[in-house]
Amino acid sequence: MIVSLQGQISDWKYGRGIIMGFINELSDSDLDKILPRKKLNTVRQQIEELAIMQGNYVDALASGTISFDWKPLEDTSKQELIKRLSELDENLENALNAFDGTETINWFGEQKNIHEHISAMIGHEQMHIGQIVAFCYATGIHIPDCVTATMSLDG
């Protein structure tokens, strides 16, 4: 993998570590607590959506075209979310190992270079992390210590 993509994957791993911290440390009741949002209104649903979207981004690496197909996961237990996200992360890195940085992905008629594609995936995940943190503060869900330490947040 080229150095610039390695840097982006390091950024990705930072955010993914935060998501894994939420999965590992929150109780099922906190993962399923209703949040002040119309759709994707639990932490679990937001994490499920992250897995689905990452699958779309990874599929686009092979097909050359992004497609956002909403296909709910069959099992959203903590164990399955961790397994699915870990598999997607491995698939992402394996796919990028063969890239030289000149690849493009068709985004609805616009060609985005591979760095823009990966940046969009990272930005999407970071947006959800921010929402999850804000919702935890708003609804009284204890933010895991591993997340507060990583992000320098008040607990």
C-alpha atoms as a PDB file:
ATOM      1  CA  MET A   1       0.000   0.000   0.000  1.00  0.00           C
ATOM      2  CA  ILE A   2       1.323   3.429  -0.869  1.00  0.00           C
ATOM      3  CA  VAL A   3       2.304   5.750   1.973  1.00  0.00           C
ATOM      4  CA  SER A   4      -0.538   8.235   1.477  1.00  0.00           C
ATOM      5  CA  LEU A   5      -3.125   5.458   1.739  1.00  0.00           C
ATOM      6  CA  GLN A   6      -1.325   4.098   4.806  1.00  0.00           C
ATOM      7  CA  GLY A   7      -1.809   7.508   6.414  1.00  0.00           C
ATOM      8  CA  GLN A   8      -5.504   7.472   5.633  1.00  0.00           C
ATOM      9  CA  ILE A   9      -5.842   3.949   7.022  1.00  0.00           C
ATOM     10  CA  SER A  10      -4.173   5.154  10.229  1.00  0.00           C
ATOM     11  CA  ASP A  11      -6.852   7.854  10.442  1.00  0.00           C
ATOM     12  CA  TRP A  12      -9.481   5.197   9.783  1.00  0.00           C
ATOM     13  CA  LYS A  13      -8.161   2.951  12.552  1.00  0.00           C
ATOM     14  CA  TYR A  14      -8.320   5.825  15.035  1.00  0.00           C
ATOM     15  CA  GLY A  15     -12.047   6.297  14.438  1.00  0.00           C
ATOM     16  CA  ARG A  16     -12.735   2.583  14.201  1.00  0.00           C
ATOM     17  CA  GLY A  17     -11.081   2.095  17.595  1.00  0.00           C
ATOM     18  CA  ILE A  18     -13.548   4.581  19.046  1.00  0.00           C
ATOM     19  CA  ILE A  19     -16.513   2.736  17.507  1.00  0.00           C
ATOM     20  CA  MET A  20     -15.180  -0.577  18.840  1.00  0.00           C
ATOM     21  CA  GLY A  21     -14.877   1.038  22.266  1.00  0.00           C
ATOM     22  CA  PHE A  22     -18.552   1.946  22.190  1.00  0.00           C
ATOM     23  CA  ILE A  23     -19.549  -1.563  21.111  1.00  0.00           C
ATOM     24  CA  ASN A  24     -17.373  -3.284  23.692  1.00  0.00           C
ATOM     25  CA  GLU A  25     -18.125  -1.022  26.625  1.00  0.00           C
ATOM     26  CA  LEU A  26     -21.772   0.026  26.285  1.00  0.00           C
ATOM     27  CA  SER A  27     -24.442  -2.273  27.643  1.00  0.00           C
ATOM     28  CA  ASP A  28     -27.071  -3.601  25.279  1.00  0.00           C
ATOM     29  CA  SER A  29     -29.601  -1.286  26.929  1.00  0.00           C
ATOM     30  CA  ASP A  30     -27.372   1.731  26.253  1.00  0.00           C
ATOM     31  CA  LEU A  31     -26.759   0.597  22.673  1.00  0.00           C
ATOM     32  CA  ASP A  32     -30.539   0.454  22.220  1.00  0.00           C
ATOM     33  CA  LYS A  33     -31.517   3.596  24.155  1.00  0.00           C
ATOM     34  CA  ILE A  34     -33.679   5.863  22.006  1.00  0.00           C
ATOM     35  CA  LEU A  35     -31.826   8.958  20.842  1.00  0.00           C
ATOM     36  CA  PRO A  36     -33.232  12.331  19.728  1.00  0.00           C
ATOM     37  CA  ARG A  37     -33.013  11.536  16.029  1.00  0.00           C
ATOM     38  CA  LYS A  38     -35.751  10.577  13.533  1.00  0.00           C
ATOM     39  CA  LYS A  39     -33.986   7.578  12.008  1.00  0.00           C
ATOM     40  CA  LEU A  40     -30.974   5.584  13.131  1.00  0.00           C
ATOM     41  CA  ASN A  41     -32.084   6.583  16.593  1.00  0.00           C
ATOM     42  CA  THR A  42     -29.970   4.217  18.666  1.00  0.00           C
ATOM     43  CA  VAL A  43     -26.219   3.807  18.938  1.00  0.00           C
ATOM     44  CA  ARG A  44     -26.622   0.227  17.671  1.00  0.00           C
ATOM     45  CA  GLN A  45     -28.502   1.406  14.557  1.00  0.00           C
ATOM     46  CA  GLN A  46     -25.834   4.013  13.859  1.00  0.00           C
ATOM     47  CA  ILE A  47     -23.106   1.372  14.128  1.00  0.00           C
ATOM     48  CA  GLU A  48     -25.087  -1.000  11.902  1.00  0.00           C
ATOM     49  CA  GLU A  49     -25.337   1.771   9.327  1.00  0.00           C
ATOM     50  CA  LEU A  50     -21.570   2.305   9.539  1.00  0.00           C
ATOM     51  CA  ALA A  51     -21.033  -1.380   8.730  1.00  0.00           C
ATOM     52  CA  ILE A  52     -23.452  -1.246   5.809  1.00  0.00           C
ATOM     53  CA  MET A  53     -21.870   1.906   4.413  1.00  0.00           C
ATOM     54  CA  GLN A  54     -18.341   0.583   4.818  1.00  0.00           C
ATOM     55  CA  GLY A  55     -19.428  -2.481   2.871  1.00  0.00           C
ATOM     56  CA  ASN A  56     -20.524  -0.167   0.059  1.00  0.00           C
ATOM     57  CA  TYR A  57     -17.201   1.681   0.110  1.00  0.00           C
ATOM     58  CA  VAL A  58     -15.211  -1.571   0.102  1.00  0.00           C
ATOM     59  CA  ASP A  59     -17.343  -3.055  -2.708  1.00  0.00           C
ATOM     60  CA  ALA A  60     -16.625   0.070  -4.761  1.00  0.00           C
ATOM     61  CA  LEU A  61     -12.901  -0.650  -4.548  1.00  0.00           C
ATOM     62  CA  ALA A  62     -13.484  -3.797  -6.609  1.00  0.00           C
ATOM     63  CA  SER A  63     -16.265  -2.549  -8.881  1.00  0.00           C
ATOM     64  CA  GLY A  64     -14.981   0.988  -9.483  1.00  0.00           C
ATOM     65  CA  THR A  65     -18.453   2.407  -8.783  1.00  0.00           C
ATOM     66  CA  ILE A  66     -20.017   3.510  -5.499  1.00  0.00           C
ATOM     67  CA  SER A  67     -23.520   2.319  -4.797  1.00  0.00           C
ATOM     68  CA  PHE A  68     -25.308   2.974  -1.542  1.00  0.00           C
ATOM     69  CA  ASP A  69     -27.579  -0.021  -1.110  1.00  0.00           C
ATOM     70  CA  TRP A  70     -29.310  -0.220   2.251  1.00  0.00           C
ATOM     71  CA  LYS A  71     -29.393  -3.875   3.214  1.00  0.00           C
ATOM     72  CA  PRO A  72     -29.944  -4.298   6.962  1.00  0.00           C
ATOM     73  CA  LEU A  73     -27.684  -6.745   8.753  1.00  0.00           C
ATOM     74  CA  GLU A  74     -29.329  -9.969   9.838  1.00  0.00           C
ATOM     75  CA  ASP A  75     -27.628  -9.981  13.246  1.00  0.00           C
ATOM     76  CA  THR A  76     -26.708  -6.797  15.080  1.00  0.00           C
ATOM     77  CA  SER A  77     -25.540  -8.360  18.324  1.00  0.00           C
ATOM     78  CA  LYS A  78     -22.383  -6.877  19.780  1.00  0.00           C
ATOM     79  CA  GLN A  79     -20.385  -9.939  18.752  1.00  0.00           C
ATOM     80  CA  GLU A  80     -21.645  -9.837  15.177  1.00  0.00           C
ATOM     81  CA  LEU A  81     -21.074  -6.093  14.826  1.00  0.00           C
ATOM     82  CA  ILE A  82     -17.485  -6.530  16.000  1.00  0.00           C
ATOM     83  CA  LYS A  83     -17.004  -9.485  13.649  1.00  0.00           C
ATOM     84  CA  ARG A  84     -18.524  -7.663  10.667  1.00  0.00           C
ATOM     85  CA  LEU A  85     -16.547  -4.472  11.208  1.00  0.00           C
ATOM     86  CA  SER A  86     -13.323  -6.425  11.678  1.00  0.00           C
ATOM     87  CA  GLU A  87     -13.928  -8.351   8.445  1.00  0.00           C
ATOM     88  CA  LEU A  88     -14.667  -5.126   6.571  1.00  0.00           C
ATOM     89  CA  ASP A  89     -11.504  -3.517   7.922  1.00  0.00           C
ATOM     90  CA  GLU A  90      -9.455  -6.505   6.769  1.00  0.00           C
ATOM     91  CA  ASN A  91     -11.121  -6.434   3.335  1.00  0.00           C
ATOM     92  CA  LEU A  92     -10.452  -2.700   3.081  1.00  0.00           C
ATOM     93  CA  GLU A  93      -6.749  -3.068   3.803  1.00  0.00           C
ATOM     94  CA  ASN A  94      -6.391  -6.100   1.525  1.00  0.00           C
ATOM     95  CA  ALA A  95      -8.008  -4.236  -1.356  1.00  0.00           C
ATOM     96  CA  LEU A  96      -5.893  -1.125  -0.841  1.00  0.00           C
ATOM     97  CA  ASN A  97      -2.655  -3.134  -0.766  1.00  0.00           C
ATOM     98  CA  ALA A  98      -2.864  -3.495  -4.539  1.00  0.00           C
ATOM     99  CA  PHE A  99      -3.583   0.196  -5.190  1.00  0.00           C
ATOM    100  CA  ASP A 100      -0.994   2.684  -6.398  1.00  0.00           C
ATOM    101  CA  GLY A 101      -2.986   5.873  -5.739  1.00  0.00           C
ATOM    102  CA  THR A 102      -4.078   6.516  -9.314  1.00  0.00           C
ATOM    103  CA  GLU A 103      -7.340   4.582  -9.046  1.00  0.00           C
ATOM    104  CA  THR A 104     -10.687   6.337  -9.324  1.00  0.00           C
ATOM    105  CA  ILE A 105     -14.189   5.462  -8.210  1.00  0.00           C
ATOM    106  CA  ASN A 106     -17.275   6.534 -10.142  1.00  0.00           C
ATOM    107  CA  TRP A 107     -19.460   8.521  -7.773  1.00  0.00           C
ATOM    108  CA  PHE A 108     -22.705   8.965  -9.688  1.00  0.00           C
ATOM    109  CA  GLY A 109     -20.940  10.191 -12.814  1.00  0.00           C
ATOM    110  CA  GLU A 110     -18.071  12.003 -11.073  1.00  0.00           C
ATOM    111  CA  GLN A 111     -14.674  10.333 -10.897  1.00  0.00           C
ATOM    112  CA  LYS A 112     -13.187  10.588  -7.412  1.00  0.00           C
ATOM    113  CA  ASN A 113      -9.628   9.504  -6.811  1.00  0.00           C
ATOM    114  CA  ILE A 114      -9.025   6.782  -4.273  1.00  0.00           C
ATOM    115  CA  HIS A 115      -7.941   9.287  -1.625  1.00  0.00           C
ATOM    116  CA  GLU A 116     -11.206  11.222  -1.956  1.00  0.00           C
ATOM    117  CA  HIS A 117     -13.138   7.955  -1.736  1.00  0.00           C
ATOM    118  CA  ILE A 118     -11.380   6.895   1.461  1.00  0.00           C
ATOM    119  CA  SER A 119     -11.677  10.411   2.908  1.00  0.00           C
ATOM    120  CA  ALA A 120     -15.440  10.310   2.338  1.00  0.00           C
ATOM    121  CA  MET A 121     -15.635   7.000   4.222  1.00  0.00           C
ATOM    122  CA  ILE A 122     -13.555   8.409   7.098  1.00  0.00           C
ATOM    123  CA  GLY A 123     -15.631  11.600   7.221  1.00  0.00           C
ATOM    124  CA  HIS A 124     -18.861   9.620   7.374  1.00  0.00           C
ATOM    125  CA  GLU A 125     -17.614   7.534  10.290  1.00  0.00           C
ATOM    126  CA  GLN A 126     -16.304  10.602  12.129  1.00  0.00           C
ATOM    127  CA  MET A 127     -19.671  12.332  11.742  1.00  0.00           C
ATOM    128  CA  HIS A 128     -21.376   9.376  13.425  1.00  0.00           C
ATOM    129  CA  ILE A 129     -18.793   9.322  16.207  1.00  0.00           C
ATOM    130  CA  GLY A 130     -19.587  12.972  16.908  1.00  0.00           C
ATOM    131  CA  GLN A 131     -23.307  12.234  16.924  1.00  0.00           C
ATOM    132  CA  ILE A 132     -22.871   9.246  19.230  1.00  0.00           C
ATOM    133  CA  VAL A 133     -20.784  11.288  21.673  1.00  0.00           C
ATOM    134  CA  ALA A 134     -23.334  14.133  21.656  1.00  0.00           C
ATOM    135  CA  PHE A 135     -26.231  11.712  22.103  1.00  0.00           C
ATOM    136  CA  CYS A 136     -24.447  10.058  25.013  1.00  0.00           C
ATOM    137  CA  TYR A 137     -24.092  13.424  26.722  1.00  0.00           C
ATOM    138  CA  ALA A 138     -27.714  14.331  25.939  1.00  0.00           C
ATOM    139  CA  THR A 139     -29.225  11.054  27.118  1.00  0.00           C
ATOM    140  CA  GLY A 140     -26.981  10.257  30.064  1.00  0.00           C
ATOM    141  CA  ILE A 141     -25.209   7.278  28.504  1.00  0.00           C
ATOM    142  CA  HIS A 142     -21.784   6.929  30.118  1.00  0.00           C
ATOM    143  CA  ILE A 143     -19.130   7.421  27.454  1.00  0.00           C
ATOM    144  CA  PRO A 144     -16.640   4.569  27.793  1.00  0.00           C
ATOM    145  CA  ASP A 145     -13.387   5.521  29.489  1.00  0.00           C
ATOM    146  CA  CYS A 146     -11.412   4.245  26.491  1.00  0.00           C
ATOM    147  CA  VAL A 147     -13.289   6.770  24.314  1.00  0.00           C
ATOM    148  CA  THR A 148     -12.976   9.712  26.693  1.00  0.00           C
ATOM    149  CA  ALA A 149      -9.227   9.038  27.033  1.00  0.00           C
ATOM    150  CA  THR A 150      -8.724   8.676  23.275  1.00  0.00           C
ATOM    151  CA  MET A 151     -10.703  11.821  22.456  1.00  0.00           C
ATOM    152  CA  SER A 152      -9.778  13.868  25.560  1.00  0.00           C
ATOM    153  CA  LEU A 153     -13.445  14.206  26.509  1.00  0.00           C
ATOM    154  CA  ASP A 154     -15.123  14.859  29.824  1.00  0.00           C
ATOM    155  CA  GLY A 155     -16.625  11.562  31.014  1.00  0.00           C
END
